Amino acid sequence: MVQQINSLTHSDIIYPDSDGQPMADNTKQFRIIVTIKENLELLFADDPDVFIAGDLLWYPIEGNNKLRRAPDVMVAFGRPKGDRGSYKQWQENQIAPQVVFEILSPGNTLAEMTQKFEFYNRYGVEEYYVYDPDKVDLCGWIREENRLNLIEMMDGWISPRLKIRFQLNPNNLQIFTPKDQPFLTYVELGQLKQEAETRAQQAETREQEAETRAQQAEARVRELEAKLRELGQL
């Protein structure tokens, strides 16, 4: 009797959209991840071919659903915006995310971060940034001669791809847009929008008041002209 052996094809393999791990271990880490991701979304909002994601599984090789990473934030230039369950590189014109951010939490181990570095180094990341919010320590690597090399000085560093600037202060990391505007939290962005709307409403009110005064002045002139005509002086 001949036994038929069925082998899985690439189309049969399931690539899970979740690795079962939480996006963040604490509120500080989560806030920084969201702040970086959302401000990058704003920065590239008008470019349809910049895809930005947070905690999205990236599968670099078709046929291997075990080989994967979920960067805290990743940016892929040359890929369209839109929702994805995961980033399957063979479906993305073989474009690897060029920029990756990892925000450390107390639960991260040296072995885990070494594995992440080796993955990003091997599969084509051009810029890799790791920030430890507890130590206010930022490390960065940039691809040169086909490997990620350490950036010696991160304070004041400007990302070649993103054009953003990093500034290390005693208590925190600040990131600035190419127009030198600071990255803001969701709450700060909301407050800024509210302030702008308030200023716009105040300006509209002042404009309406000025128009009312002008109309009143014009009416007064007409009234005086009418009286002068009655007196035969006009």
C-alpha atoms as a PDB file:
ATOM      1  CA  MET A   1       0.000   0.000   0.000  1.00  0.00           C
ATOM      2  CA  VAL A   2       1.305   3.402  -0.954  1.00  0.00           C
ATOM      3  CA  GLN A   3       0.787   6.078   1.666  1.00  0.00           C
ATOM      4  CA  GLN A   4       0.348   9.602   0.305  1.00  0.00           C
ATOM      5  CA  ILE A   5       2.140  12.284   2.306  1.00  0.00           C
ATOM      6  CA  ASN A   6       0.595  15.722   2.126  1.00  0.00           C
ATOM      7  CA  SER A   7       2.933  18.673   2.678  1.00  0.00           C
ATOM      8  CA  LEU A   8       1.862  22.170   3.543  1.00  0.00           C
ATOM      9  CA  THR A   9       2.134  24.748   0.817  1.00  0.00           C
ATOM     10  CA  HIS A  10       2.756  28.418   1.484  1.00  0.00           C
ATOM     11  CA  SER A  11      -0.926  29.144   0.942  1.00  0.00           C
ATOM     12  CA  ASP A  12      -1.852  26.644   3.708  1.00  0.00           C
ATOM     13  CA  ILE A  13       0.265  28.287   6.372  1.00  0.00           C
ATOM     14  CA  ILE A  14      -1.525  30.513   8.880  1.00  0.00           C
ATOM     15  CA  TYR A  15       0.223  33.697   9.964  1.00  0.00           C
ATOM     16  CA  PRO A  16      -1.356  34.785  13.292  1.00  0.00           C
ATOM     17  CA  ASP A  17      -2.149  38.472  13.738  1.00  0.00           C
ATOM     18  CA  SER A  18      -1.222  38.345  17.420  1.00  0.00           C
ATOM     19  CA  ASP A  19       1.685  36.909  19.365  1.00  0.00           C
ATOM     20  CA  GLY A  20      -0.321  36.887  22.582  1.00  0.00           C
ATOM     21  CA  GLN A  21       1.918  39.513  24.147  1.00  0.00           C
ATOM     22  CA  PRO A  22       0.614  42.875  25.447  1.00  0.00           C
ATOM     23  CA  MET A  23       1.503  46.033  23.563  1.00  0.00           C
ATOM     24  CA  ALA A  24       3.002  47.580  26.705  1.00  0.00           C
ATOM     25  CA  ASP A  25       3.779  46.571  30.267  1.00  0.00           C
ATOM     26  CA  ASN A  26       2.934  49.899  31.892  1.00  0.00           C
ATOM     27  CA  THR A  27       1.269  53.250  31.276  1.00  0.00           C
ATOM     28  CA  LYS A  28       4.528  55.138  30.675  1.00  0.00           C
ATOM     29  CA  GLN A  29       5.671  52.730  27.970  1.00  0.00           C
ATOM     30  CA  PHE A  30       2.238  52.745  26.334  1.00  0.00           C
ATOM     31  CA  ARG A  31       2.054  56.554  26.339  1.00  0.00           C
ATOM     32  CA  ILE A  32       5.452  56.899  24.651  1.00  0.00           C
ATOM     33  CA  ILE A  33       4.630  54.273  22.027  1.00  0.00           C
ATOM     34  CA  VAL A  34       1.325  55.957  21.169  1.00  0.00           C
ATOM     35  CA  THR A  35       2.919  59.419  21.146  1.00  0.00           C
ATOM     36  CA  ILE A  36       5.636  58.384  18.693  1.00  0.00           C
ATOM     37  CA  LYS A  37       3.242  56.441  16.467  1.00  0.00           C
ATOM     38  CA  GLU A  38       0.508  59.095  16.306  1.00  0.00           C
ATOM     39  CA  ASN A  39       2.917  62.004  15.769  1.00  0.00           C
ATOM     40  CA  LEU A  40       4.563  60.114  12.911  1.00  0.00           C
ATOM     41  CA  GLU A  41       1.086  59.516  11.476  1.00  0.00           C
ATOM     42  CA  LEU A  42       0.486  63.281  11.595  1.00  0.00           C
ATOM     43  CA  LEU A  43       3.903  64.021  10.121  1.00  0.00           C
ATOM     44  CA  PHE A  44       3.284  61.783   7.095  1.00  0.00           C
ATOM     45  CA  ALA A  45      -0.482  62.232   6.864  1.00  0.00           C
ATOM     46  CA  ASP A  46      -0.250  63.712   3.358  1.00  0.00           C
ATOM     47  CA  ASP A  47       2.014  60.976   1.990  1.00  0.00           C
ATOM     48  CA  PRO A  48      -0.100  57.986   0.894  1.00  0.00           C
ATOM     49  CA  ASP A  49       2.958  55.753   0.575  1.00  0.00           C
ATOM     50  CA  VAL A  50       4.215  55.792   4.160  1.00  0.00           C
ATOM     51  CA  PHE A  51       2.781  53.005   6.316  1.00  0.00           C
ATOM     52  CA  ILE A  52       3.097  53.390  10.093  1.00  0.00           C
ATOM     53  CA  ALA A  53       2.034  50.841  12.691  1.00  0.00           C
ATOM     54  CA  GLY A  54       2.357  50.039  16.366  1.00  0.00           C
ATOM     55  CA  ASP A  55       2.749  46.523  17.755  1.00  0.00           C
ATOM     56  CA  LEU A  56       2.076  44.904  14.362  1.00  0.00           C
ATOM     57  CA  LEU A  57       3.580  41.507  13.624  1.00  0.00           C
ATOM     58  CA  TRP A  58       6.119  41.597  10.809  1.00  0.00           C
ATOM     59  CA  TYR A  59       6.745  38.355   8.911  1.00  0.00           C
ATOM     60  CA  PRO A  60       9.819  38.753   6.681  1.00  0.00           C
ATOM     61  CA  ILE A  61       9.799  35.369   4.922  1.00  0.00           C
ATOM     62  CA  GLU A  62       6.899  33.566   3.310  1.00  0.00           C
ATOM     63  CA  GLY A  63       6.456  30.036   4.580  1.00  0.00           C
ATOM     64  CA  ASN A  64       7.837  30.692   8.055  1.00  0.00           C
ATOM     65  CA  ASN A  65       5.181  31.781  10.544  1.00  0.00           C
ATOM     66  CA  LYS A  66       7.538  31.408  13.496  1.00  0.00           C
ATOM     67  CA  LEU A  67       9.966  34.032  12.247  1.00  0.00           C
ATOM     68  CA  ARG A  68       8.365  37.309  13.267  1.00  0.00           C
ATOM     69  CA  ARG A  69       8.652  40.426  15.412  1.00  0.00           C
ATOM     70  CA  ALA A  70       6.188  43.077  16.536  1.00  0.00           C
ATOM     71  CA  PRO A  71       8.075  46.383  16.795  1.00  0.00           C
ATOM     72  CA  ASP A  72       6.572  48.920  19.164  1.00  0.00           C
ATOM     73  CA  VAL A  73       6.515  51.337  16.207  1.00  0.00           C
ATOM     74  CA  MET A  74       7.558  50.703  12.628  1.00  0.00           C
ATOM     75  CA  VAL A  75       7.624  52.839   9.500  1.00  0.00           C
ATOM     76  CA  ALA A  76       7.632  51.456   5.957  1.00  0.00           C
ATOM     77  CA  PHE A  77       8.326  53.917   3.159  1.00  0.00           C
ATOM     78  CA  GLY A  78       6.981  52.924  -0.246  1.00  0.00           C
ATOM     79  CA  ARG A  79       3.986  51.055   1.150  1.00  0.00           C
ATOM     80  CA  PRO A  80       0.412  52.387   1.076  1.00  0.00           C
ATOM     81  CA  LYS A  81      -1.496  53.362   4.163  1.00  0.00           C
ATOM     82  CA  GLY A  82      -4.303  51.063   5.223  1.00  0.00           C
ATOM     83  CA  ASP A  83      -5.334  48.452   7.761  1.00  0.00           C
ATOM     84  CA  ARG A  84      -3.434  45.181   8.030  1.00  0.00           C
ATOM     85  CA  GLY A  85      -3.668  42.198  10.326  1.00  0.00           C
ATOM     86  CA  SER A  86       0.089  41.773  10.037  1.00  0.00           C
ATOM     87  CA  TYR A  87       2.921  42.956   7.817  1.00  0.00           C
ATOM     88  CA  LYS A  88       3.754  40.102   5.436  1.00  0.00           C
ATOM     89  CA  GLN A  89       6.807  41.338   3.583  1.00  0.00           C
ATOM     90  CA  TRP A  90       6.230  39.219   0.454  1.00  0.00           C
ATOM     91  CA  GLN A  91       2.864  40.975   0.066  1.00  0.00           C
ATOM     92  CA  GLU A  92       4.503  44.388   0.547  1.00  0.00           C
ATOM     93  CA  ASN A  93       6.716  44.323  -2.552  1.00  0.00           C
ATOM     94  CA  GLN A  94       9.455  42.789  -0.376  1.00  0.00           C
ATOM     95  CA  ILE A  95       9.923  46.134   1.378  1.00  0.00           C
ATOM     96  CA  ALA A  96      11.118  45.791   4.963  1.00  0.00           C
ATOM     97  CA  PRO A  97      10.174  48.488   7.466  1.00  0.00           C
ATOM     98  CA  GLN A  98      13.014  50.998   7.278  1.00  0.00           C
ATOM     99  CA  VAL A  99      12.593  52.509  10.755  1.00  0.00           C
ATOM    100  CA  VAL A 100      11.805  50.687  13.995  1.00  0.00           C
ATOM    101  CA  PHE A 101      11.326  51.912  17.569  1.00  0.00           C
ATOM    102  CA  GLU A 102      11.399  49.818  20.733  1.00  0.00           C
ATOM    103  CA  ILE A 103      10.419  51.314  24.105  1.00  0.00           C
ATOM    104  CA  LEU A 104      11.846  49.356  27.009  1.00  0.00           C
ATOM    105  CA  SER A 105       9.914  48.206  30.036  1.00  0.00           C
ATOM    106  CA  PRO A 106      11.241  46.522  33.200  1.00  0.00           C
ATOM    107  CA  GLY A 107      10.167  43.182  31.724  1.00  0.00           C
ATOM    108  CA  ASN A 108      12.536  43.349  28.757  1.00  0.00           C
ATOM    109  CA  THR A 109      15.580  41.094  29.077  1.00  0.00           C
ATOM    110  CA  LEU A 110      19.027  41.422  27.518  1.00  0.00           C
ATOM    111  CA  ALA A 111      18.494  38.161  25.632  1.00  0.00           C
ATOM    112  CA  GLU A 112      15.183  39.414  24.209  1.00  0.00           C
ATOM    113  CA  MET A 113      16.671  42.726  23.066  1.00  0.00           C
ATOM    114  CA  THR A 114      19.669  40.931  21.542  1.00  0.00           C
ATOM    115  CA  GLN A 115      17.323  38.723  19.543  1.00  0.00           C
ATOM    116  CA  LYS A 116      15.379  41.766  18.363  1.00  0.00           C
ATOM    117  CA  PHE A 117      18.565  43.507  17.276  1.00  0.00           C
ATOM    118  CA  GLU A 118      19.718  40.452  15.350  1.00  0.00           C
ATOM    119  CA  PHE A 119      16.320  40.200  13.639  1.00  0.00           C
ATOM    120  CA  TYR A 120      16.237  43.865  12.606  1.00  0.00           C
ATOM    121  CA  ASN A 121      19.869  43.746  11.534  1.00  0.00           C
ATOM    122  CA  ARG A 122      19.330  40.643   9.415  1.00  0.00           C
ATOM    123  CA  TYR A 123      16.098  41.661   7.738  1.00  0.00           C
ATOM    124  CA  GLY A 124      16.955  45.127   6.509  1.00  0.00           C
ATOM    125  CA  VAL A 125      15.916  47.766   9.049  1.00  0.00           C
ATOM    126  CA  GLU A 126      17.772  50.989   8.210  1.00  0.00           C
ATOM    127  CA  GLU A 127      17.269  52.860  11.485  1.00  0.00           C
ATOM    128  CA  TYR A 128      16.682  51.239  14.865  1.00  0.00           C
ATOM    129  CA  TYR A 129      15.965  53.223  18.038  1.00  0.00           C
ATOM    130  CA  VAL A 130      15.674  51.861  21.586  1.00  0.00           C
ATOM    131  CA  TYR A 131      14.515  54.137  24.409  1.00  0.00           C
ATOM    132  CA  ASP A 132      14.568  53.323  28.108  1.00  0.00           C
ATOM    133  CA  PRO A 133      12.157  55.802  29.788  1.00  0.00           C
ATOM    134  CA  ASP A 134      13.222  54.828  33.298  1.00  0.00           C
ATOM    135  CA  LYS A 135      16.874  55.660  32.635  1.00  0.00           C
ATOM    136  CA  VAL A 136      16.120  58.356  30.023  1.00  0.00           C
ATOM    137  CA  ASP A 137      18.555  56.531  27.769  1.00  0.00           C
ATOM    138  CA  LEU A 138      18.282  56.467  23.977  1.00  0.00           C
ATOM    139  CA  CYS A 139      20.339  54.225  21.717  1.00  0.00           C
ATOM    140  CA  GLY A 140      20.251  54.219  17.952  1.00  0.00           C
ATOM    141  CA  TRP A 141      21.710  52.250  15.084  1.00  0.00           C
ATOM    142  CA  ILE A 142      21.912  53.112  11.392  1.00  0.00           C
ATOM    143  CA  ARG A 143      22.573  50.773   8.480  1.00  0.00           C
ATOM    144  CA  GLU A 144      25.978  51.217   6.922  1.00  0.00           C
ATOM    145  CA  GLU A 145      27.726  48.659   4.723  1.00  0.00           C
ATOM    146  CA  ASN A 146      24.737  46.328   5.061  1.00  0.00           C
ATOM    147  CA  ARG A 147      24.699  46.186   8.856  1.00  0.00           C
ATOM    148  CA  LEU A 148      23.349  48.244  11.739  1.00  0.00           C
ATOM    149  CA  ASN A 149      26.069  50.341  13.362  1.00  0.00           C
ATOM    150  CA  LEU A 150      25.771  52.209  16.645  1.00  0.00           C
ATOM    151  CA  ILE A 151      25.130  55.960  16.471  1.00  0.00           C
ATOM    152  CA  GLU A 152      27.723  57.488  18.787  1.00  0.00           C
ATOM    153  CA  MET A 153      25.769  60.605  19.818  1.00  0.00           C
ATOM    154  CA  MET A 154      21.967  60.451  19.988  1.00  0.00           C
ATOM    155  CA  ASP A 155      21.347  63.834  21.635  1.00  0.00           C
ATOM    156  CA  GLY A 156      20.600  66.136  18.700  1.00  0.00           C
ATOM    157  CA  TRP A 157      20.556  63.270  16.180  1.00  0.00           C
ATOM    158  CA  ILE A 158      18.328  63.795  13.121  1.00  0.00           C
ATOM    159  CA  SER A 159      16.833  60.703  11.533  1.00  0.00           C
ATOM    160  CA  PRO A 160      17.851  60.493   7.846  1.00  0.00           C
ATOM    161  CA  ARG A 161      14.540  58.866   6.928  1.00  0.00           C
ATOM    162  CA  LEU A 162      12.082  60.651   9.215  1.00  0.00           C
ATOM    163  CA  LYS A 163      13.910  64.023   9.487  1.00  0.00           C
ATOM    164  CA  ILE A 164      12.909  64.166  13.162  1.00  0.00           C
ATOM    165  CA  ARG A 165      15.330  65.337  15.860  1.00  0.00           C
ATOM    166  CA  PHE A 166      15.955  63.655  19.214  1.00  0.00           C
ATOM    167  CA  GLN A 167      16.753  65.693  22.316  1.00  0.00           C
ATOM    168  CA  LEU A 168      17.611  64.110  25.654  1.00  0.00           C
ATOM    169  CA  ASN A 169      16.631  66.162  28.684  1.00  0.00           C
ATOM    170  CA  PRO A 170      17.353  65.257  32.331  1.00  0.00           C
ATOM    171  CA  ASN A 171      13.859  63.813  32.814  1.00  0.00           C
ATOM    172  CA  ASN A 172      12.657  62.779  29.393  1.00  0.00           C
ATOM    173  CA  LEU A 173      13.201  62.373  25.674  1.00  0.00           C
ATOM    174  CA  GLN A 174      11.818  65.020  23.354  1.00  0.00           C
ATOM    175  CA  ILE A 175      11.342  64.500  19.644  1.00  0.00           C
ATOM    176  CA  PHE A 176      10.927  67.376  17.207  1.00  0.00           C
ATOM    177  CA  THR A 177       9.438  67.499  13.723  1.00  0.00           C
ATOM    178  CA  PRO A 178      11.405  68.891  10.753  1.00  0.00           C
ATOM    179  CA  LYS A 179       9.690  72.224  11.525  1.00  0.00           C
ATOM    180  CA  ASP A 180      11.074  72.017  15.073  1.00  0.00           C
ATOM    181  CA  GLN A 181       7.674  71.390  16.637  1.00  0.00           C
ATOM    182  CA  PRO A 182       7.717  68.964  19.588  1.00  0.00           C
ATOM    183  CA  PHE A 183       5.943  65.624  19.510  1.00  0.00           C
ATOM    184  CA  LEU A 184       2.874  65.963  21.748  1.00  0.00           C
ATOM    185  CA  THR A 185       0.779  63.436  23.617  1.00  0.00           C
ATOM    186  CA  TYR A 186      -2.800  62.766  22.536  1.00  0.00           C
ATOM    187  CA  VAL A 187      -4.072  64.982  25.363  1.00  0.00           C
ATOM    188  CA  GLU A 188      -1.663  67.796  24.449  1.00  0.00           C
ATOM    189  CA  LEU A 189      -2.685  67.565  20.795  1.00  0.00           C
ATOM    190  CA  GLY A 190      -6.339  67.768  21.863  1.00  0.00           C
ATOM    191  CA  GLN A 191      -5.638  70.785  24.040  1.00  0.00           C
ATOM    192  CA  LEU A 192      -3.714  72.454  21.216  1.00  0.00           C
ATOM    193  CA  LYS A 193      -6.610  71.860  18.844  1.00  0.00           C
ATOM    194  CA  GLN A 194      -9.067  73.223  21.403  1.00  0.00           C
ATOM    195  CA  GLU A 195      -6.931  76.326  21.926  1.00  0.00           C
ATOM    196  CA  ALA A 196      -6.720  76.871  18.180  1.00  0.00           C
ATOM    197  CA  GLU A 197     -10.485  76.528  17.866  1.00  0.00           C
ATOM    198  CA  THR A 198     -10.967  78.982  20.748  1.00  0.00           C
ATOM    199  CA  ARG A 199      -8.635  81.505  19.128  1.00  0.00           C
ATOM    200  CA  ALA A 200     -10.466  81.085  15.829  1.00  0.00           C
ATOM    201  CA  GLN A 201     -13.819  81.640  17.539  1.00  0.00           C
ATOM    202  CA  GLN A 202     -12.455  84.717  19.329  1.00  0.00           C
ATOM    203  CA  ALA A 203     -11.101  86.081  16.058  1.00  0.00           C
ATOM    204  CA  GLU A 204     -14.467  85.460  14.395  1.00  0.00           C
ATOM    205  CA  THR A 205     -16.226  87.213  17.288  1.00  0.00           C
ATOM    206  CA  ARG A 206     -13.891  90.208  17.003  1.00  0.00           C
ATOM    207  CA  GLU A 207     -14.490  90.324  13.263  1.00  0.00           C
ATOM    208  CA  GLN A 208     -18.258  90.229  13.778  1.00  0.00           C
ATOM    209  CA  GLU A 209     -18.029  92.959  16.420  1.00  0.00           C
ATOM    210  CA  ALA A 210     -15.902  95.110  14.107  1.00  0.00           C
ATOM    211  CA  GLU A 211     -18.399  94.608  11.310  1.00  0.00           C
ATOM    212  CA  THR A 212     -21.260  95.562  13.655  1.00  0.00           C
ATOM    213  CA  ARG A 213     -19.429  98.737  14.719  1.00  0.00           C
ATOM    214  CA  ALA A 214     -18.785  99.601  11.084  1.00  0.00           C
ATOM    215  CA  GLN A 215     -22.465  99.122  10.261  1.00  0.00           C
ATOM    216  CA  GLN A 216     -23.464 101.253  13.248  1.00  0.00           C
ATOM    217  CA  ALA A 217     -21.033 103.997  12.182  1.00  0.00           C
ATOM    218  CA  GLU A 218     -22.367 103.902   8.645  1.00  0.00           C
ATOM    219  CA  ALA A 219     -25.931 104.135   9.936  1.00  0.00           C
ATOM    220  CA  ARG A 220     -24.953 107.105  12.114  1.00  0.00           C
ATOM    221  CA  VAL A 221     -23.402 108.879   9.109  1.00  0.00           C
ATOM    222  CA  ARG A 222     -26.562 108.332   7.097  1.00  0.00           C
ATOM    223  CA  GLU A 223     -28.626 109.666   9.997  1.00  0.00           C
ATOM    224  CA  LEU A 224     -26.490 112.827  10.224  1.00  0.00           C
ATOM    225  CA  GLU A 225     -26.648 113.336   6.472  1.00  0.00           C
ATOM    226  CA  ALA A 226     -30.437 113.080   6.602  1.00  0.00           C
ATOM    227  CA  LYS A 227     -30.617 115.701   9.361  1.00  0.00           C
ATOM    228  CA  LEU A 228     -28.329 118.051   7.453  1.00  0.00           C
ATOM    229  CA  ARG A 229     -30.504 117.735   4.396  1.00  0.00           C
ATOM    230  CA  GLU A 230     -33.546 118.617   6.506  1.00  0.00           C
ATOM    231  CA  LEU A 231     -31.744 121.731   7.664  1.00  0.00           C
ATOM    232  CA  GLY A 232     -30.787 122.582   4.105  1.00  0.00           C
ATOM    233  CA  GLN A 233     -27.119 122.331   4.870  1.00  0.00           C
ATOM    234  CA  LEU A 234     -26.412 119.474   2.537  1.00  0.00           C
END
